[in-house]
Amino acid sequence: MKFADQYSLDLTDAVLLSCVLAHQSTEIATDDHRFAQICRQLGLVVENPISDSSREQMAQWEAHNLPAKGLPRILHHINRWLSRNHSQAADDFWSQTGNGSHLP
């Protein structure tokens, strides 16, 4: 919790960082630029397992195949599940969320 609060990290990143430091590791692998910056500030060597070309290919695939990140993606998944199981509820949900742009 200390790392999450101190560096404004997600809990999973904070736990990972805590474990790395507790085991006196000197390296960490991440493709998260902000997390990598924090790790470097703490003296860790950061390895990025994803090349720039792979990152670009991933971004293109996501843009073509997935709804926008964050809340729209979650609402889209909920709507898809509802559509398979409760079509009338799915229509109402999609309408109330502004086609997946905000919470109802």
PDB file of N, CA and C in Angstrom:
ATOM      1  N   MET A   1       0.827  -1.194   0.000  1.00  0.00           N
ATOM      2  CA  MET A   1       0.000   0.000   0.000  1.00  0.00           C
ATOM      3  C   MET A   1       0.873   1.261   0.000  1.00  0.00           C
ATOM      4  N   LYS A   2       2.028   1.141   0.644  1.00  0.00           N
ATOM      5  CA  LYS A   2       2.924   2.299   0.706  1.00  0.00           C
ATOM      6  C   LYS A   2       3.348   2.734  -0.696  1.00  0.00           C
ATOM      7  N   PHE A   3       3.778   1.769  -1.533  1.00  0.00           N
ATOM      8  CA  PHE A   3       4.206   2.104  -2.891  1.00  0.00           C
ATOM      9  C   PHE A   3       3.032   2.614  -3.734  1.00  0.00           C
ATOM     10  N   ALA A   4       1.876   2.000  -3.571  1.00  0.00           N
ATOM     11  CA  ALA A   4       0.700   2.437  -4.334  1.00  0.00           C
ATOM     12  C   ALA A   4       0.386   3.890  -4.021  1.00  0.00           C
ATOM     13  N   ASP A   5       0.437   4.235  -2.749  1.00  0.00           N
ATOM     14  CA  ASP A   5       0.136   5.606  -2.333  1.00  0.00           C
ATOM     15  C   ASP A   5       1.252   6.574  -2.718  1.00  0.00           C
ATOM     16  N   GLN A   6       2.480   6.192  -2.427  1.00  0.00           N
ATOM     17  CA  GLN A   6       3.616   7.076  -2.647  1.00  0.00           C
ATOM     18  C   GLN A   6       3.835   7.405  -4.121  1.00  0.00           C
ATOM     19  N   TYR A   7       3.638   6.417  -5.003  1.00  0.00           N
ATOM     20  CA  TYR A   7       3.918   6.614  -6.424  1.00  0.00           C
ATOM     21  C   TYR A   7       2.667   6.599  -7.298  1.00  0.00           C
ATOM     22  N   SER A   8       1.495   6.585  -6.678  1.00  0.00           N
ATOM     23  CA  SER A   8       0.214   6.541  -7.409  1.00  0.00           C
ATOM     24  C   SER A   8       0.183   5.370  -8.389  1.00  0.00           C
ATOM     25  N   LEU A   9       0.508   4.183  -7.880  1.00  0.00           N
ATOM     26  CA  LEU A   9       0.549   2.969  -8.691  1.00  0.00           C
ATOM     27  C   LEU A   9      -0.710   2.144  -8.497  1.00  0.00           C
ATOM     28  N   ASP A  10      -1.060   1.358  -9.508  1.00  0.00           N
ATOM     29  CA  ASP A  10      -2.078   0.329  -9.327  1.00  0.00           C
ATOM     30  C   ASP A  10      -1.544  -0.650  -8.290  1.00  0.00           C
ATOM     31  N   LEU A  11      -2.449  -1.313  -7.588  1.00  0.00           N
ATOM     32  CA  LEU A  11      -2.009  -2.236  -6.540  1.00  0.00           C
ATOM     33  C   LEU A  11      -1.143  -3.363  -7.092  1.00  0.00           C
ATOM     34  N   THR A  12      -1.469  -3.868  -8.275  1.00  0.00           N
ATOM     35  CA  THR A  12      -0.663  -4.962  -8.829  1.00  0.00           C
ATOM     36  C   THR A  12       0.765  -4.503  -9.107  1.00  0.00           C
ATOM     37  N   ASP A  13       0.942  -3.303  -9.636  1.00  0.00           N
ATOM     38  CA  ASP A  13       2.285  -2.772  -9.869  1.00  0.00           C
ATOM     39  C   ASP A  13       3.006  -2.527  -8.549  1.00  0.00           C
ATOM     40  N   ALA A  14       2.294  -2.040  -7.560  1.00  0.00           N
ATOM     41  CA  ALA A  14       2.898  -1.784  -6.250  1.00  0.00           C
ATOM     42  C   ALA A  14       3.367  -3.084  -5.600  1.00  0.00           C
ATOM     43  N   VAL A  15       2.574  -4.140  -5.722  1.00  0.00           N
ATOM     44  CA  VAL A  15       2.968  -5.437  -5.160  1.00  0.00           C
ATOM     45  C   VAL A  15       4.191  -5.972  -5.903  1.00  0.00           C
ATOM     46  N   LEU A  16       4.179  -5.873  -7.224  1.00  0.00           N
ATOM     47  CA  LEU A  16       5.328  -6.324  -8.010  1.00  0.00           C
ATOM     48  C   LEU A  16       6.589  -5.574  -7.600  1.00  0.00           C
ATOM     49  N   LEU A  17       6.501  -4.273  -7.489  1.00  0.00           N
ATOM     50  CA  LEU A  17       7.645  -3.466  -7.090  1.00  0.00           C
ATOM     51  C   LEU A  17       8.120  -3.841  -5.692  1.00  0.00           C
ATOM     52  N   SER A  18       7.194  -4.029  -4.788  1.00  0.00           N
ATOM     53  CA  SER A  18       7.542  -4.417  -3.423  1.00  0.00           C
ATOM     54  C   SER A  18       8.278  -5.758  -3.401  1.00  0.00           C
ATOM     55  N   CYS A  19       7.798  -6.714  -4.181  1.00  0.00           N
ATOM     56  CA  CYS A  19       8.439  -8.040  -4.236  1.00  0.00           C
ATOM     57  C   CYS A  19       9.840  -7.959  -4.831  1.00  0.00           C
ATOM     58  N   VAL A  20       9.982  -7.187  -5.894  1.00  0.00           N
ATOM     59  CA  VAL A  20      11.288  -7.039  -6.536  1.00  0.00           C
ATOM     60  C   VAL A  20      12.293  -6.449  -5.550  1.00  0.00           C
ATOM     61  N   LEU A  21      11.901  -5.413  -4.857  1.00  0.00           N
ATOM     62  CA  LEU A  21      12.799  -4.778  -3.898  1.00  0.00           C
ATOM     63  C   LEU A  21      13.057  -5.661  -2.679  1.00  0.00           C
ATOM     64  N   ALA A  22      12.041  -6.381  -2.221  1.00  0.00           N
ATOM     65  CA  ALA A  22      12.210  -7.268  -1.062  1.00  0.00           C
ATOM     66  C   ALA A  22      13.195  -8.397  -1.359  1.00  0.00           C
ATOM     67  N   HIS A  23      13.220  -8.854  -2.609  1.00  0.00           N
ATOM     68  CA  HIS A  23      14.136  -9.934  -3.001  1.00  0.00           C
ATOM     69  C   HIS A  23      15.469  -9.395  -3.498  1.00  0.00           C
ATOM     70  N   GLN A  24      15.654  -8.098  -3.354  1.00  0.00           N
ATOM     71  CA  GLN A  24      16.879  -7.407  -3.740  1.00  0.00           C
ATOM     72  C   GLN A  24      17.251  -7.661  -5.198  1.00  0.00           C
ATOM     73  N   SER A  25      16.233  -7.752  -6.036  1.00  0.00           N
ATOM     74  CA  SER A  25      16.456  -7.881  -7.466  1.00  0.00           C
ATOM     75  C   SER A  25      16.929  -6.536  -8.002  1.00  0.00           C
ATOM     76  N   THR A  26      17.623  -6.584  -9.112  1.00  0.00           N
ATOM     77  CA  THR A  26      18.132  -5.349  -9.699  1.00  0.00           C
ATOM     78  C   THR A  26      17.473  -5.036 -11.036  1.00  0.00           C
ATOM     79  N   GLU A  27      16.663  -5.963 -11.546  1.00  0.00           N
ATOM     80  CA  GLU A  27      16.037  -5.781 -12.856  1.00  0.00           C
ATOM     81  C   GLU A  27      14.549  -6.084 -12.780  1.00  0.00           C
ATOM     82  N   ILE A  28      13.822  -5.464 -13.692  1.00  0.00           N
ATOM     83  CA  ILE A  28      12.383  -5.713 -13.805  1.00  0.00           C
ATOM     84  C   ILE A  28      12.002  -5.577 -15.280  1.00  0.00           C
ATOM     85  N   ALA A  29      11.018  -6.352 -15.705  1.00  0.00           N
ATOM     86  CA  ALA A  29      10.527  -6.276 -17.086  1.00  0.00           C
ATOM     87  C   ALA A  29       9.123  -5.688 -17.074  1.00  0.00           C
ATOM     88  N   THR A  30       8.932  -4.655 -17.876  1.00  0.00           N
ATOM     89  CA  THR A  30       7.616  -4.031 -18.006  1.00  0.00           C
ATOM     90  C   THR A  30       7.562  -3.242 -19.303  1.00  0.00           C
ATOM     91  N   ASP A  31       6.357  -3.134 -19.858  1.00  0.00           N
ATOM     92  CA  ASP A  31       6.185  -2.285 -21.036  1.00  0.00           C
ATOM     93  C   ASP A  31       5.414  -1.015 -20.678  1.00  0.00           C
ATOM     94  N   ASP A  32       5.141  -0.825 -19.398  1.00  0.00           N
ATOM     95  CA  ASP A  32       4.433   0.351 -18.901  1.00  0.00           C
ATOM     96  C   ASP A  32       5.452   1.473 -18.678  1.00  0.00           C
ATOM     97  N   HIS A  33       5.387   2.507 -19.514  1.00  0.00           N
ATOM     98  CA  HIS A  33       6.390   3.573 -19.469  1.00  0.00           C
ATOM     99  C   HIS A  33       6.424   4.300 -18.122  1.00  0.00           C
ATOM    100  N   ARG A  34       5.282   4.599 -17.569  1.00  0.00           N
ATOM    101  CA  ARG A  34       5.238   5.313 -16.291  1.00  0.00           C
ATOM    102  C   ARG A  34       5.813   4.464 -15.161  1.00  0.00           C
ATOM    103  N   PHE A  35       5.419   3.187 -15.127  1.00  0.00           N
ATOM    104  CA  PHE A  35       5.940   2.269 -14.115  1.00  0.00           C
ATOM    105  C   PHE A  35       7.450   2.097 -14.288  1.00  0.00           C
ATOM    106  N   ALA A  36       7.909   2.010 -15.526  1.00  0.00           N
ATOM    107  CA  ALA A  36       9.342   1.869 -15.791  1.00  0.00           C
ATOM    108  C   ALA A  36      10.111   3.077 -15.254  1.00  0.00           C
ATOM    109  N   GLN A  37       9.552   4.257 -15.431  1.00  0.00           N
ATOM    110  CA  GLN A  37      10.205   5.477 -14.951  1.00  0.00           C
ATOM    111  C   GLN A  37      10.363   5.431 -13.424  1.00  0.00           C
ATOM    112  N   ILE A  38       9.329   4.996 -12.729  1.00  0.00           N
ATOM    113  CA  ILE A  38       9.390   4.888 -11.265  1.00  0.00           C
ATOM    114  C   ILE A  38      10.440   3.862 -10.864  1.00  0.00           C
ATOM    115  N   CYS A  39      10.466   2.738 -11.568  1.00  0.00           N
ATOM    116  CA  CYS A  39      11.448   1.688 -11.261  1.00  0.00           C
ATOM    117  C   CYS A  39      12.866   2.201 -11.450  1.00  0.00           C
ATOM    118  N   ARG A  40      13.092   2.954 -12.525  1.00  0.00           N
ATOM    119  CA  ARG A  40      14.428   3.522 -12.762  1.00  0.00           C
ATOM    120  C   ARG A  40      14.808   4.496 -11.641  1.00  0.00           C
ATOM    121  N   GLN A  41      13.837   5.287 -11.171  1.00  0.00           N
ATOM    122  CA  GLN A  41      14.104   6.222 -10.076  1.00  0.00           C
ATOM    123  C   GLN A  41      14.549   5.477  -8.821  1.00  0.00           C
ATOM    124  N   LEU A  42      14.089   4.247  -8.674  1.00  0.00           N
ATOM    125  CA  LEU A  42      14.442   3.451  -7.503  1.00  0.00           C
ATOM    126  C   LEU A  42      15.683   2.594  -7.746  1.00  0.00           C
ATOM    127  N   GLY A  43      16.344   2.813  -8.877  1.00  0.00           N
ATOM    128  CA  GLY A  43      17.611   2.143  -9.146  1.00  0.00           C
ATOM    129  C   GLY A  43      17.514   0.807  -9.851  1.00  0.00           C
ATOM    130  N   LEU A  44      16.349   0.447 -10.347  1.00  0.00           N
ATOM    131  CA  LEU A  44      16.197  -0.823 -11.045  1.00  0.00           C
ATOM    132  C   LEU A  44      16.520  -0.661 -12.527  1.00  0.00           C
ATOM    133  N   VAL A  45      17.071  -1.712 -13.106  1.00  0.00           N
ATOM    134  CA  VAL A  45      17.290  -1.763 -14.542  1.00  0.00           C
ATOM    135  C   VAL A  45      15.988  -2.282 -15.149  1.00  0.00           C
ATOM    136  N   VAL A  46      15.450  -1.553 -16.117  1.00  0.00           N
ATOM    137  CA  VAL A  46      14.158  -1.906 -16.714  1.00  0.00           C
ATOM    138  C   VAL A  46      14.379  -2.493 -18.099  1.00  0.00           C
ATOM    139  N   GLU A  47      13.816  -3.659 -18.324  1.00  0.00           N
ATOM    140  CA  GLU A  47      13.823  -4.295 -19.634  1.00  0.00           C
ATOM    141  C   GLU A  47      12.408  -4.236 -20.180  1.00  0.00           C
ATOM    142  N   ASN A  48      12.279  -3.827 -21.435  1.00  0.00           N
ATOM    143  CA  ASN A  48      10.967  -3.789 -22.080  1.00  0.00           C
ATOM    144  C   ASN A  48      10.876  -4.993 -23.020  1.00  0.00           C
ATOM    145  N   PRO A  49       9.968  -5.932 -22.736  1.00  0.00           N
ATOM    146  CA  PRO A  49       9.893  -7.148 -23.550  1.00  0.00           C
ATOM    147  C   PRO A  49       9.211  -6.948 -24.902  1.00  0.00           C
ATOM    148  N   ILE A  50       8.692  -5.752 -25.173  1.00  0.00           N
ATOM    149  CA  ILE A  50       7.957  -5.503 -26.406  1.00  0.00           C
ATOM    150  C   ILE A  50       8.709  -4.476 -27.246  1.00  0.00           C
ATOM    151  N   SER A  51       9.071  -4.873 -28.438  1.00  0.00           N
ATOM    152  CA  SER A  51       9.791  -3.963 -29.339  1.00  0.00           C
ATOM    153  C   SER A  51       8.851  -2.868 -29.845  1.00  0.00           C
ATOM    154  N   ASP A  52       9.442  -1.805 -30.359  1.00  0.00           N
ATOM    155  CA  ASP A  52       8.631  -0.702 -30.886  1.00  0.00           C
ATOM    156  C   ASP A  52       7.745  -1.167 -32.043  1.00  0.00           C
ATOM    157  N   SER A  53       8.276  -2.026 -32.905  1.00  0.00           N
ATOM    158  CA  SER A  53       7.468  -2.493 -34.036  1.00  0.00           C
ATOM    159  C   SER A  53       6.317  -3.383 -33.554  1.00  0.00           C
ATOM    160  N   SER A  54       6.581  -4.223 -32.557  1.00  0.00           N
ATOM    161  CA  SER A  54       5.504  -5.059 -31.999  1.00  0.00           C
ATOM    162  C   SER A  54       4.452  -4.200 -31.318  1.00  0.00           C
ATOM    163  N   ARG A  55       4.898  -3.168 -30.617  1.00  0.00           N
ATOM    164  CA  ARG A  55       3.964  -2.267 -29.939  1.00  0.00           C
ATOM    165  C   ARG A  55       3.047  -1.588 -30.962  1.00  0.00           C
ATOM    166  N   GLU A  56       3.604  -1.157 -32.076  1.00  0.00           N
ATOM    167  CA  GLU A  56       2.805  -0.519 -33.125  1.00  0.00           C
ATOM    168  C   GLU A  56       1.802  -1.512 -33.710  1.00  0.00           C
ATOM    169  N   GLN A  57       2.230  -2.743 -33.951  1.00  0.00           N
ATOM    170  CA  GLN A  57       1.325  -3.770 -34.473  1.00  0.00           C
ATOM    171  C   GLN A  57       0.201  -4.052 -33.475  1.00  0.00           C
ATOM    172  N   MET A  58       0.539  -4.106 -32.198  1.00  0.00           N
ATOM    173  CA  MET A  58      -0.469  -4.344 -31.160  1.00  0.00           C
ATOM    174  C   MET A  58      -1.476  -3.199 -31.122  1.00  0.00           C
ATOM    175  N   ALA A  59      -0.996  -1.966 -31.194  1.00  0.00           N
ATOM    176  CA  ALA A  59      -1.884  -0.794 -31.163  1.00  0.00           C
ATOM    177  C   ALA A  59      -2.831  -0.803 -32.358  1.00  0.00           C
ATOM    178  N   GLN A  60      -2.305  -1.154 -33.530  1.00  0.00           N
ATOM    179  CA  GLN A  60      -3.155  -1.217 -34.720  1.00  0.00           C
ATOM    180  C   GLN A  60      -4.210  -2.306 -34.587  1.00  0.00           C
ATOM    181  N   TRP A  61      -3.805  -3.470 -34.074  1.00  0.00           N
ATOM    182  CA  TRP A  61      -4.753  -4.577 -33.901  1.00  0.00           C
ATOM    183  C   TRP A  61      -5.840  -4.182 -32.905  1.00  0.00           C
ATOM    184  N   GLU A  62      -5.442  -3.588 -31.760  1.00  0.00           N
ATOM    185  CA  GLU A  62      -6.418  -3.165 -30.756  1.00  0.00           C
ATOM    186  C   GLU A  62      -7.389  -2.133 -31.320  1.00  0.00           C
ATOM    187  N   ALA A  63      -6.873  -1.165 -32.056  1.00  0.00           N
ATOM    188  CA  ALA A  63      -7.734  -0.127 -32.620  1.00  0.00           C
ATOM    189  C   ALA A  63      -8.741  -0.719 -33.601  1.00  0.00           C
ATOM    190  N   HIS A  64      -8.341  -1.739 -34.314  1.00  0.00           N
ATOM    191  CA  HIS A  64      -9.213  -2.357 -35.317  1.00  0.00           C
ATOM    192  C   HIS A  64     -10.189  -3.360 -34.705  1.00  0.00           C
ATOM    193  N   ASN A  65      -9.789  -4.046 -33.618  1.00  0.00           N
ATOM    194  CA  ASN A  65     -10.570  -5.164 -33.100  1.00  0.00           C
ATOM    195  C   ASN A  65     -11.230  -4.954 -31.743  1.00  0.00           C
ATOM    196  N   LEU A  66     -10.864  -3.925 -31.022  1.00  0.00           N
ATOM    197  CA  LEU A  66     -11.393  -3.722 -29.670  1.00  0.00           C
ATOM    198  C   LEU A  66     -12.019  -2.338 -29.532  1.00  0.00           C
ATOM    199  N   PRO A  67     -13.029  -2.236 -28.684  1.00  0.00           N
ATOM    200  CA  PRO A  67     -13.540  -0.895 -28.378  1.00  0.00           C
ATOM    201  C   PRO A  67     -12.485  -0.105 -27.599  1.00  0.00           C
ATOM    202  N   ALA A  68     -12.705   1.183 -27.439  1.00  0.00           N
ATOM    203  CA  ALA A  68     -11.759   2.041 -26.734  1.00  0.00           C
ATOM    204  C   ALA A  68     -11.439   1.476 -25.356  1.00  0.00           C
ATOM    205  N   LYS A  69     -10.224   1.753 -24.873  1.00  0.00           N
ATOM    206  CA  LYS A  69      -9.806   1.254 -23.557  1.00  0.00           C
ATOM    207  C   LYS A  69     -10.641   1.896 -22.460  1.00  0.00           C
ATOM    208  N   GLY A  70     -10.577   1.304 -21.293  1.00  0.00           N
ATOM    209  CA  GLY A  70     -11.253   1.847 -20.129  1.00  0.00           C
ATOM    210  C   GLY A  70     -12.723   1.479 -20.099  1.00  0.00           C
ATOM    211  N   LEU A  71     -13.512   2.404 -19.608  1.00  0.00           N
ATOM    212  CA  LEU A  71     -14.939   2.165 -19.411  1.00  0.00           C
ATOM    213  C   LEU A  71     -15.660   1.729 -20.681  1.00  0.00           C
ATOM    214  N   PRO A  72     -15.422   2.355 -21.846  1.00  0.00           N
ATOM    215  CA  PRO A  72     -16.128   1.893 -23.043  1.00  0.00           C
ATOM    216  C   PRO A  72     -15.882   0.412 -23.342  1.00  0.00           C
ATOM    217  N   ARG A  73     -14.667  -0.069 -23.112  1.00  0.00           N
ATOM    218  CA  ARG A  73     -14.364  -1.476 -23.373  1.00  0.00           C
ATOM    219  C   ARG A  73     -15.144  -2.371 -22.418  1.00  0.00           C
ATOM    220  N   ILE A  74     -15.208  -1.988 -21.157  1.00  0.00           N
ATOM    221  CA  ILE A  74     -15.939  -2.779 -20.163  1.00  0.00           C
ATOM    222  C   ILE A  74     -17.430  -2.797 -20.489  1.00  0.00           C
ATOM    223  N   LEU A  75     -17.976  -1.626 -20.808  1.00  0.00           N
ATOM    224  CA  LEU A  75     -19.403  -1.554 -21.139  1.00  0.00           C
ATOM    225  C   LEU A  75     -19.719  -2.362 -22.392  1.00  0.00           C
ATOM    226  N   HIS A  76     -18.803  -2.366 -23.342  1.00  0.00           N
ATOM    227  CA  HIS A  76     -18.994  -3.160 -24.558  1.00  0.00           C
ATOM    228  C   HIS A  76     -19.071  -4.656 -24.221  1.00  0.00           C
ATOM    229  N   HIS A  77     -18.185  -5.124 -23.336  1.00  0.00           N
ATOM    230  CA  HIS A  77     -18.202  -6.537 -22.932  1.00  0.00           C
ATOM    231  C   HIS A  77     -19.504  -6.891 -22.209  1.00  0.00           C
ATOM    232  N   ILE A  78     -19.954  -5.997 -21.353  1.00  0.00           N
ATOM    233  CA  ILE A  78     -21.219  -6.239 -20.644  1.00  0.00           C
ATOM    234  C   ILE A  78     -22.368  -6.315 -21.645  1.00  0.00           C
ATOM    235  N   ASN A  79     -22.380  -5.383 -22.583  1.00  0.00           N
ATOM    236  CA  ASN A  79     -23.444  -5.376 -23.586  1.00  0.00           C
ATOM    237  C   ASN A  79     -23.411  -6.644 -24.438  1.00  0.00           C
ATOM    238  N   ARG A  80     -22.217  -7.076 -24.796  1.00  0.00           N
ATOM    239  CA  ARG A  80     -22.099  -8.301 -25.598  1.00  0.00           C
ATOM    240  C   ARG A  80     -22.650  -9.501 -24.835  1.00  0.00           C
ATOM    241  N   TRP A  81     -22.337  -9.587 -23.532  1.00  0.00           N
ATOM    242  CA  TRP A  81     -22.860 -10.689 -22.724  1.00  0.00           C
ATOM    243  C   TRP A  81     -24.381 -10.598 -22.636  1.00  0.00           C
ATOM    244  N   LEU A  82     -24.877  -9.401 -22.356  1.00  0.00           N
ATOM    245  CA  LEU A  82     -26.327  -9.217 -22.276  1.00  0.00           C
ATOM    246  C   LEU A  82     -27.003  -9.587 -23.597  1.00  0.00           C
ATOM    247  N   SER A  83     -26.382  -9.215 -24.703  1.00  0.00           N
ATOM    248  CA  SER A  83     -26.965  -9.515 -26.017  1.00  0.00           C
ATOM    249  C   SER A  83     -27.141 -11.008 -26.232  1.00  0.00           C
ATOM    250  N   ARG A  84     -26.207 -11.785 -25.718  1.00  0.00           N
ATOM    251  CA  ARG A  84     -26.295 -13.243 -25.871  1.00  0.00           C
ATOM    252  C   ARG A  84     -27.317 -13.859 -24.928  1.00  0.00           C
ATOM    253  N   ASN A  85     -27.591 -13.204 -23.819  1.00  0.00           N
ATOM    254  CA  ASN A  85     -28.421 -13.815 -22.785  1.00  0.00           C
ATOM    255  C   ASN A  85     -29.749 -13.113 -22.536  1.00  0.00           C
ATOM    256  N   HIS A  86     -29.802 -11.817 -22.761  1.00  0.00           N
ATOM    257  CA  HIS A  86     -31.003 -11.023 -22.479  1.00  0.00           C
ATOM    258  C   HIS A  86     -31.063  -9.860 -23.467  1.00  0.00           C
ATOM    259  N   SER A  87     -31.504 -10.117 -24.673  1.00  0.00           N
ATOM    260  CA  SER A  87     -31.435  -9.107 -25.736  1.00  0.00           C
ATOM    261  C   SER A  87     -32.196  -7.827 -25.399  1.00  0.00           C
ATOM    262  N   GLN A  88     -33.340  -7.959 -24.750  1.00  0.00           N
ATOM    263  CA  GLN A  88     -34.109  -6.764 -24.405  1.00  0.00           C
ATOM    264  C   GLN A  88     -33.343  -5.904 -23.386  1.00  0.00           C
ATOM    265  N   ALA A  89     -32.735  -6.565 -22.395  1.00  0.00           N
ATOM    266  CA  ALA A  89     -31.939  -5.839 -21.401  1.00  0.00           C
ATOM    267  C   ALA A  89     -30.715  -5.196 -22.064  1.00  0.00           C
ATOM    268  N   ALA A  90     -30.137  -5.885 -23.054  1.00  0.00           N
ATOM    269  CA  ALA A  90     -28.975  -5.349 -23.754  1.00  0.00           C
ATOM    270  C   ALA A  90     -29.323  -4.052 -24.477  1.00  0.00           C
ATOM    271  N   ASP A  91     -30.467  -4.039 -25.135  1.00  0.00           N
ATOM    272  CA  ASP A  91     -30.893  -2.825 -25.839  1.00  0.00           C
ATOM    273  C   ASP A  91     -31.077  -1.662 -24.866  1.00  0.00           C
ATOM    274  N   ASP A  92     -31.710  -1.940 -23.736  1.00  0.00           N
ATOM    275  CA  ASP A  92     -31.936  -0.910 -22.722  1.00  0.00           C
ATOM    276  C   ASP A  92     -30.608  -0.431 -22.136  1.00  0.00           C
ATOM    277  N   PHE A  93     -29.721  -1.379 -21.826  1.00  0.00           N
ATOM    278  CA  PHE A  93     -28.401  -1.049 -21.271  1.00  0.00           C
ATOM    279  C   PHE A  93     -27.623  -0.164 -22.244  1.00  0.00           C
ATOM    280  N   TRP A  94     -27.594  -0.542 -23.514  1.00  0.00           N
ATOM    281  CA  TRP A  94     -26.833   0.201 -24.515  1.00  0.00           C
ATOM    282  C   TRP A  94     -27.378   1.615 -24.678  1.00  0.00           C
ATOM    283  N   SER A  95     -28.691   1.732 -24.606  1.00  0.00           N
ATOM    284  CA  SER A  95     -29.317   3.044 -24.705  1.00  0.00           C
ATOM    285  C   SER A  95     -28.966   3.909 -23.489  1.00  0.00           C
ATOM    286  N   GLN A  96     -29.045   3.309 -22.301  1.00  0.00           N
ATOM    287  CA  GLN A  96     -28.787   4.071 -21.074  1.00  0.00           C
ATOM    288  C   GLN A  96     -27.306   4.435 -20.891  1.00  0.00           C
ATOM    289  N   THR A  97     -26.422   3.728 -21.561  1.00  0.00           N
ATOM    290  CA  THR A  97     -24.990   4.038 -21.446  1.00  0.00           C
ATOM    291  C   THR A  97     -24.492   4.905 -22.601  1.00  0.00           C
ATOM    292  N   GLY A  98     -25.423   5.426 -23.405  1.00  0.00           N
ATOM    293  CA  GLY A  98     -25.015   6.252 -24.537  1.00  0.00           C
ATOM    294  C   GLY A  98     -24.155   5.476 -25.517  1.00  0.00           C
ATOM    295  N   ASN A  99     -24.616   4.269 -25.833  1.00  0.00           N
ATOM    296  CA  ASN A  99     -23.875   3.360 -26.717  1.00  0.00           C
ATOM    297  C   ASN A  99     -22.484   3.049 -26.176  1.00  0.00           C
ATOM    298  N   GLY A 100     -22.429   2.839 -24.854  1.00  0.00           N
ATOM    299  CA  GLY A 100     -21.190   2.426 -24.221  1.00  0.00           C
ATOM    300  C   GLY A 100     -20.210   3.533 -23.918  1.00  0.00           C
ATOM    301  N   SER A 101     -20.690   4.760 -23.797  1.00  0.00           N
ATOM    302  CA  SER A 101     -19.774   5.879 -23.552  1.00  0.00           C
ATOM    303  C   SER A 101     -19.739   6.351 -22.101  1.00  0.00           C
ATOM    304  N   HIS A 102     -20.746   5.947 -21.296  1.00  0.00           N
ATOM    305  CA  HIS A 102     -20.762   6.389 -19.890  1.00  0.00           C
ATOM    306  C   HIS A 102     -21.592   5.407 -19.069  1.00  0.00           C
ATOM    307  N   LEU A 103     -21.482   5.503 -17.763  1.00  0.00           N
ATOM    308  CA  LEU A 103     -22.281   4.650 -16.883  1.00  0.00           C
ATOM    309  C   LEU A 103     -23.743   5.051 -16.950  1.00  0.00           C
ATOM    310  N   PRO A 104     -24.637   4.077 -16.771  1.00  0.00           N
ATOM    311  CA  PRO A 104     -26.085   4.414 -16.817  1.00  0.00           C
ATOM    312  C   PRO A 104     -26.481   5.293 -15.642  1.00  0.00           C
TER     313      PRO A 104
END
